[in-house]
Amino acid sequence: MNVGNIAQTADAIRANVSKVIVGKEDIVDQLIIAILTSGHVLLEDVPGTGKTLLAKAVAKSISGAFKRIQFTPDLLPSDLTGIHFYNQKLGEFEFRPGPLFANIVLADEINRATPRTQSSLLECMEERQVSIDGTTHELGRPFLVIATQNPVEQQGTFPLPEAQLDRFLFKLKMGYPTTEEGIAIMKRFMANSPLEHLAPVVDTVQIEEAKQQYTGVEVSEELLSYMLAIVEATRKHPDAALGASPRSSQAFLRACQARAAIQGRSHVLPDDVKAMAVPVLAHRISLRSVQRMRADAAEHIVQSILAAIPVPADAPLISRA
C-alpha cells in the first residue's frame, strides 16, 4: 500500500475542483472518500447550492462520464437502465444503455420518483450491474451515485425508507456560502463558468488503483472497539426508534480508512472516527415520533454519543499478517 499515491490523487482532485467550487472542502473530501470506498452520497439541500456543479467538477477531474437524471413520478426503471430495441436495419435487437452507464450519476430529486423506480436505482447502486431480459451489463468503474432531495418541498414526494437510506455511505448538506464565499462565487462566474475549461487531473485507472490500496490502512483494536461502541450506542439512545445497522459498521470503518489515506496516513486516528460519525451514521437512525420535527435530531444524537464515549488514549496498531 502506498498512501502517498492516494493522497496525491486526492490532492489533485481537490485542487482541481476548487477552481470551480468555492469552499466546501469537507464536502469535496467526502465525495473523494465515497469514490474510494465505492459508496454513494445523498445530498439534501435546497436548489441552487451547487450540487450539480460539484458533481460535474468531480466527474471532469477524474476523466469520468457524467449523467444527470431528473427524477419525476412518471420515470420508469427502464428509463434508468436502458432497453433492448429492434434495429430494423440490422434485423436484430440491440441494447440502448440508460443514463446509469456513467461514472458519476446525479439522481436529482430522487424522492420525486415512485418507490419502484427508487428501488431499481438502489439495486444498481448495490450490485453495480443491471440485468435486462436475462442479460447482465456491468456499470462503470468507478461508479458513484449522488442523489439529491429538497428538504423543504414534501408534497408529491416519496420519502426514501430506512432500508434504502442505509444504502448511502453519506448524507450531506451543502449549505449556503458565507458572505466572503458568495462574493468569490460571483467574481469567479462573472465572465463565464470555469467548469468549461476544467481538465482531468487523474484517470479512472488511478482511481481504481487507489480503491484497491486504501483498505491497507491500519486500525487499532481500541479504535475498532470505539467505533463499534458509537454504533451500538445509536441503538440504545432513548430518542432513536432504530439505530445504525451492522452494514453501517462496515461503512464507518471504510470511511475512516479512506479519510486517513487521502490525508497521507497509513493508520486511522480518533479524529477520523469523529469526523466520519455524523455523515455515516445520522441518516441510518430512525427517530421516535416526538423527535421527527427536528431537522437535525439524528445529527444531535450522534454528536451527543461522541461527547459521552471516551476517546481511547492509547491505540496501538493491529499487526497484519
Protein backbone atom coordinates (compact mmCIF):
# COMPACT_ATOMS: atom_id res chain seq x y z
CA MET A 1 0.00 0.00 0.00
CA ASN A 2 1.26 3.48 -0.85
CA VAL A 3 -0.86 6.10 0.90
CA GLY A 4 1.34 8.78 -0.62
CA ASN A 5 -0.10 7.98 -4.05
CA ILE A 6 -3.64 8.05 -2.68
CA ALA A 7 -3.01 11.41 -1.01
CA GLN A 8 -1.53 12.83 -4.24
CA THR A 9 -4.58 11.65 -6.19
CA ALA A 10 -6.91 13.24 -3.63
CA ASP A 11 -4.90 16.48 -3.58
CA ALA A 12 -5.07 16.72 -7.36
CA ILE A 13 -8.86 16.23 -7.40
CA ARG A 14 -9.36 18.64 -4.51
CA ALA A 15 -7.26 21.38 -6.13
CA ASN A 16 -8.97 20.94 -9.49
CA VAL A 17 -12.49 21.07 -8.06
CA SER A 18 -11.56 24.21 -6.11
CA LYS A 19 -11.15 26.00 -9.45
CA VAL A 20 -14.92 25.76 -9.82
CA ILE A 21 -16.34 25.29 -6.31
CA VAL A 22 -15.66 27.95 -3.69
CA GLY A 23 -15.19 26.46 -0.23
CA LYS A 24 -16.94 23.16 0.63
CA GLU A 25 -13.60 21.40 1.19
CA ASP A 26 -15.18 18.89 3.59
CA ILE A 27 -17.88 18.02 1.05
CA VAL A 28 -15.27 17.51 -1.69
CA ASP A 29 -13.21 15.27 0.60
CA GLN A 30 -16.29 13.22 1.44
CA LEU A 31 -17.06 12.75 -2.25
CA ILE A 32 -13.49 11.53 -2.78
CA ILE A 33 -13.92 9.14 0.14
CA ALA A 34 -17.19 7.89 -1.38
CA ILE A 35 -15.44 7.21 -4.69
CA LEU A 36 -12.62 5.30 -2.98
CA THR A 37 -14.97 3.19 -0.86
CA SER A 38 -17.46 2.52 -3.69
CA GLY A 39 -20.06 4.33 -1.62
CA HIS A 40 -22.84 6.66 -2.68
CA VAL A 41 -23.94 10.06 -1.41
CA LEU A 42 -27.32 11.59 -0.58
CA LEU A 43 -27.21 15.39 -0.77
CA GLU A 44 -30.12 17.03 1.00
CA ASP A 45 -30.31 20.74 0.30
CA VAL A 46 -32.36 23.45 -1.32
CA PRO A 47 -31.95 24.18 -5.07
CA GLY A 48 -29.14 26.42 -6.25
CA THR A 49 -26.45 25.47 -3.74
CA GLY A 50 -24.12 23.98 -6.36
CA LYS A 51 -24.91 20.26 -6.20
CA THR A 52 -24.91 19.71 -9.97
CA LEU A 53 -21.85 21.91 -10.46
CA LEU A 54 -19.95 19.97 -7.80
CA ALA A 55 -20.83 16.60 -9.34
CA LYS A 56 -19.77 17.78 -12.81
CA ALA A 57 -16.50 19.18 -11.48
CA VAL A 58 -15.61 15.91 -9.76
CA ALA A 59 -16.52 13.89 -12.86
CA LYS A 60 -14.35 16.08 -15.09
CA SER A 61 -11.47 15.89 -12.62
CA ILE A 62 -11.36 12.08 -12.77
CA SER A 63 -11.90 11.90 -16.54
CA GLY A 64 -15.22 10.20 -15.90
CA ALA A 65 -18.53 10.19 -17.72
CA PHE A 66 -21.26 12.26 -16.05
CA LYS A 67 -25.01 11.84 -16.41
CA ARG A 68 -27.81 13.78 -14.73
CA ILE A 69 -31.26 12.24 -14.25
CA GLN A 70 -34.23 14.41 -13.27
CA PHE A 71 -36.45 12.16 -11.17
CA THR A 72 -40.20 12.56 -11.70
CA PRO A 73 -43.23 10.44 -10.75
CA ASP A 74 -43.54 9.08 -14.31
CA LEU A 75 -39.89 7.95 -14.53
CA LEU A 76 -39.65 4.19 -15.17
CA PRO A 77 -36.84 1.79 -14.17
CA SER A 78 -36.10 1.22 -17.88
CA ASP A 79 -35.52 4.98 -18.25
CA LEU A 80 -32.53 4.49 -15.93
CA THR A 81 -31.12 1.16 -17.01
CA GLY A 82 -31.83 1.16 -20.75
CA ILE A 83 -33.79 -1.10 -23.09
CA HIS A 84 -33.44 -3.64 -25.85
CA PHE A 85 -34.93 -2.36 -29.10
CA TYR A 86 -35.32 -3.88 -32.54
CA ASN A 87 -32.97 -2.40 -35.12
CA GLN A 88 -34.76 -2.76 -38.44
CA LYS A 89 -31.61 -2.06 -40.46
CA LEU A 90 -29.66 -4.84 -38.77
CA GLY A 91 -32.67 -7.09 -38.29
CA GLU A 92 -31.82 -7.81 -34.65
CA PHE A 93 -32.30 -6.49 -31.13
CA GLU A 94 -29.78 -4.02 -29.71
CA PHE A 95 -29.21 -2.74 -26.22
CA ARG A 96 -29.54 1.00 -25.71
CA PRO A 97 -27.87 1.85 -22.37
CA GLY A 98 -29.58 4.24 -20.00
CA PRO A 99 -28.02 7.13 -18.08
CA LEU A 100 -26.80 4.82 -15.29
CA PHE A 101 -23.97 3.79 -17.60
CA ALA A 102 -21.63 6.53 -16.41
CA ASN A 103 -19.01 7.04 -13.73
CA ILE A 104 -20.84 9.73 -11.79
CA VAL A 105 -24.63 9.85 -11.89
CA LEU A 106 -26.58 12.74 -10.40
CA ALA A 107 -30.03 11.50 -9.38
CA ASP A 108 -31.77 14.84 -8.97
CA GLU A 109 -34.71 14.92 -6.54
CA ILE A 110 -34.74 11.18 -6.04
CA ASN A 111 -37.70 11.42 -3.67
CA ARG A 112 -39.96 12.53 -6.54
CA ALA A 113 -39.74 9.12 -8.23
CA THR A 114 -42.02 6.22 -7.29
CA PRO A 115 -40.73 3.57 -4.85
CA ARG A 116 -40.41 1.12 -7.76
CA THR A 117 -38.00 3.40 -9.64
CA GLN A 118 -36.13 4.29 -6.46
CA SER A 119 -35.65 0.60 -5.72
CA SER A 120 -34.31 -0.12 -9.21
CA LEU A 121 -31.71 2.62 -8.79
CA LEU A 122 -30.64 1.42 -5.36
CA GLU A 123 -30.31 -2.15 -6.63
CA CYS A 124 -27.91 -0.91 -9.32
CA MET A 125 -26.01 1.05 -6.67
CA GLU A 126 -25.52 -2.10 -4.62
CA GLU A 127 -24.77 -4.59 -7.39
CA ARG A 128 -23.04 -2.19 -9.83
CA GLN A 129 -24.69 -4.02 -12.65
CA VAL A 130 -28.08 -4.25 -14.33
CA SER A 131 -29.90 -7.30 -15.64
CA ILE A 132 -32.18 -6.70 -18.60
CA ASP A 133 -34.01 -9.52 -20.39
CA GLY A 134 -31.71 -12.07 -18.80
CA THR A 135 -28.51 -10.29 -19.80
CA THR A 136 -26.22 -8.74 -17.19
CA HIS A 137 -24.50 -5.45 -18.02
CA GLU A 138 -21.65 -4.10 -15.87
CA LEU A 139 -21.80 -0.45 -14.85
CA GLY A 140 -18.85 1.94 -14.99
CA ARG A 141 -15.77 1.79 -12.79
CA PRO A 142 -15.72 3.85 -10.68
CA PHE A 143 -19.45 4.25 -10.18
CA LEU A 144 -20.81 6.93 -7.87
CA VAL A 145 -24.42 7.99 -7.44
CA ILE A 146 -25.05 11.43 -5.96
CA ALA A 147 -28.75 11.59 -5.14
CA THR A 148 -30.35 14.87 -4.12
CA GLN A 149 -33.56 15.74 -2.36
CA ASN A 150 -35.13 19.02 -1.33
CA PRO A 151 -35.78 19.10 2.44
CA VAL A 152 -38.41 21.85 2.09
CA GLU A 153 -40.87 20.58 -0.53
CA GLN A 154 -42.64 17.41 0.62
CA GLN A 155 -45.81 17.49 -1.48
CA GLY A 156 -45.76 14.94 -4.30
CA THR A 157 -42.69 13.14 -2.98
CA PHE A 158 -41.97 9.55 -1.95
CA PRO A 159 -39.55 9.67 1.01
CA LEU A 160 -36.80 7.08 0.97
CA PRO A 161 -37.49 4.31 3.52
CA GLU A 162 -34.89 3.43 6.12
CA ALA A 163 -33.72 0.31 4.28
CA GLN A 164 -32.89 2.40 1.21
CA LEU A 165 -31.28 5.23 3.16
CA ASP A 166 -28.95 2.59 4.60
CA ARG A 167 -27.52 2.05 1.09
CA PHE A 168 -25.95 5.52 1.08
CA LEU A 169 -22.50 5.88 2.59
CA PHE A 170 -23.02 9.58 3.41
CA LYS A 171 -25.86 12.00 3.80
CA LEU A 172 -24.50 15.51 3.35
CA LYS A 173 -25.68 19.11 3.22
CA MET A 174 -24.06 21.74 1.03
CA GLY A 175 -25.35 24.75 2.95
CA TYR A 176 -25.35 28.37 1.85
CA PRO A 177 -21.98 30.08 1.25
CA THR A 178 -20.63 32.68 3.63
CA THR A 179 -20.66 36.33 2.55
CA GLU A 180 -17.00 36.12 1.50
CA GLU A 181 -17.63 32.91 -0.42
CA GLY A 182 -20.68 34.46 -2.09
CA ILE A 183 -18.60 37.38 -3.36
CA ALA A 184 -15.89 34.98 -4.59
CA ILE A 185 -18.53 32.93 -6.43
CA MET A 186 -19.91 36.00 -8.21
CA LYS A 187 -16.43 37.11 -9.26
CA ARG A 188 -15.48 33.63 -10.45
CA PHE A 189 -18.57 33.25 -12.62
CA MET A 190 -18.72 36.88 -13.78
CA ALA A 191 -17.40 36.20 -17.30
CA ASN A 192 -18.12 32.51 -17.83
CA SER A 193 -18.18 29.22 -15.99
CA PRO A 194 -14.73 27.86 -15.06
CA LEU A 195 -16.23 24.38 -15.47
CA GLU A 196 -15.97 24.79 -19.25
CA HIS A 197 -12.18 24.92 -19.05
CA LEU A 198 -11.71 22.26 -16.35
CA ALA A 199 -9.37 19.47 -17.46
CA PRO A 200 -8.94 15.98 -15.94
CA VAL A 201 -6.13 15.59 -13.41
CA VAL A 202 -6.41 11.83 -12.80
CA ASP A 203 -7.93 8.98 -14.77
CA THR A 204 -10.24 6.17 -13.77
CA VAL A 205 -7.33 3.68 -13.73
CA GLN A 206 -5.65 5.69 -10.95
CA ILE A 207 -8.93 5.79 -9.06
CA GLU A 208 -9.31 2.01 -9.29
CA GLU A 209 -5.75 1.53 -8.04
CA ALA A 210 -6.41 3.82 -5.07
CA LYS A 211 -9.62 1.90 -4.30
CA GLN A 212 -7.62 -1.31 -4.00
CA GLN A 213 -4.97 0.24 -1.77
CA TYR A 214 -6.85 2.24 0.88
CA THR A 215 -8.05 -0.89 2.71
CA GLY A 216 -4.46 -1.44 3.82
CA VAL A 217 -4.77 1.48 6.24
CA GLU A 218 -4.25 0.13 9.76
CA VAL A 219 -6.85 0.37 12.54
CA SER A 220 -6.11 -0.40 16.18
CA GLU A 221 -8.22 -2.77 18.28
CA GLU A 222 -9.04 0.16 20.57
CA LEU A 223 -10.34 2.25 17.70
CA LEU A 224 -12.40 -0.65 16.35
CA SER A 225 -13.99 -1.00 19.79
CA TYR A 226 -14.52 2.78 19.91
CA MET A 227 -16.27 2.76 16.54
CA LEU A 228 -18.46 -0.20 17.48
CA ALA A 229 -19.37 1.44 20.78
CA ILE A 230 -20.59 4.51 18.85
CA VAL A 231 -22.68 2.37 16.51
CA GLU A 232 -24.18 0.33 19.35
CA ALA A 233 -24.98 3.50 21.29
CA THR A 234 -27.25 4.66 18.46
CA ARG A 235 -29.38 1.55 19.05
CA LYS A 236 -29.76 2.29 22.76
CA HIS A 237 -30.37 6.04 22.60
CA PRO A 238 -33.78 6.98 24.06
CA ASP A 239 -34.64 9.22 21.08
CA ALA A 240 -33.87 6.54 18.49
CA ALA A 241 -36.54 4.03 17.46
CA LEU A 242 -33.98 2.14 15.39
CA GLY A 243 -30.21 2.51 15.46
CA ALA A 244 -27.46 2.08 12.90
CA SER A 245 -27.29 -1.32 11.20
CA PRO A 246 -24.36 -3.77 11.08
CA ARG A 247 -23.82 -2.60 7.48
CA SER A 248 -23.15 0.86 8.88
CA SER A 249 -20.27 -0.50 10.96
CA GLN A 250 -18.54 -1.65 7.79
CA ALA A 251 -19.27 1.67 6.06
CA PHE A 252 -17.96 3.53 9.12
CA LEU A 253 -14.69 1.58 9.03
CA ARG A 254 -14.16 2.05 5.28
CA ALA A 255 -14.85 5.78 5.52
CA CYS A 256 -12.32 6.20 8.34
CA GLN A 257 -9.67 4.24 6.42
CA ALA A 258 -10.24 6.28 3.27
CA ARG A 259 -10.10 9.57 5.19
CA ALA A 260 -6.75 8.59 6.69
CA ALA A 261 -5.47 7.53 3.26
CA ILE A 262 -6.36 10.78 1.46
CA GLN A 263 -4.51 12.64 4.21
CA GLY A 264 -1.42 10.53 3.61
CA ARG A 265 -1.62 8.45 6.79
CA SER A 266 -1.25 4.67 7.00
CA HIS A 267 -3.32 4.43 10.18
CA VAL A 268 -6.67 5.69 11.44
CA LEU A 269 -6.81 8.33 14.18
CA PRO A 270 -9.66 9.15 16.59
CA ASP A 271 -10.14 12.38 14.60
CA ASP A 272 -11.08 10.27 11.57
CA VAL A 273 -13.70 8.43 13.60
CA LYS A 274 -15.20 11.64 14.97
CA ALA A 275 -15.21 13.31 11.55
CA MET A 276 -16.98 10.39 9.84
CA ALA A 277 -19.52 9.56 12.56
CA VAL A 278 -22.26 12.07 11.68
CA PRO A 279 -22.23 11.80 7.85
CA VAL A 280 -22.08 7.98 8.00
CA LEU A 281 -24.45 7.23 10.89
CA ALA A 282 -27.02 10.02 11.31
CA HIS A 283 -29.19 9.16 8.31
CA ARG A 284 -29.28 5.49 9.40
CA ILE A 285 -31.08 6.32 12.65
CA SER A 286 -34.87 6.12 12.77
CA LEU A 287 -36.25 8.70 15.17
CA ARG A 288 -39.12 8.36 17.58
CA SER A 289 -42.16 10.36 16.50
CA VAL A 290 -41.59 13.12 19.05
CA GLN A 291 -38.13 13.82 17.56
CA ARG A 292 -39.07 13.82 13.87
CA MET A 293 -39.97 17.51 13.88
CA ARG A 294 -36.34 18.48 14.43
CA ALA A 295 -34.40 18.50 11.18
CA ASP A 296 -31.08 17.92 12.95
CA ALA A 297 -32.29 15.45 15.59
CA ALA A 298 -30.32 12.48 14.23
CA GLU A 299 -27.13 14.56 13.95
CA HIS A 300 -27.64 15.70 17.53
CA ILE A 301 -27.95 12.07 18.68
CA VAL A 302 -24.62 11.13 17.09
CA GLN A 303 -22.91 14.23 18.46
CA SER A 304 -24.20 13.51 21.98
CA ILE A 305 -22.87 9.94 21.69
CA LEU A 306 -19.46 11.22 20.60
CA ALA A 307 -19.41 13.53 23.60
CA ALA A 308 -20.34 10.73 26.01
CA ILE A 309 -17.99 7.93 24.88
CA PRO A 310 -14.34 8.39 25.94
CA VAL A 311 -11.77 8.52 23.16
CA PRO A 312 -9.16 5.76 23.50
CA ALA A 313 -5.98 7.24 24.92
CA ASP A 314 -3.65 4.61 23.51
CA ALA A 315 -4.38 2.99 20.18
CA PRO A 316 -1.66 0.57 19.06
CA LEU A 317 -1.99 -0.72 15.50
CA ILE A 318 -3.21 -4.19 14.64
CA SER A 319 -0.38 -6.31 13.33
CA ARG A 320 -1.32 -7.56 9.86
CA ALA A 321 -0.24 -10.97 8.63
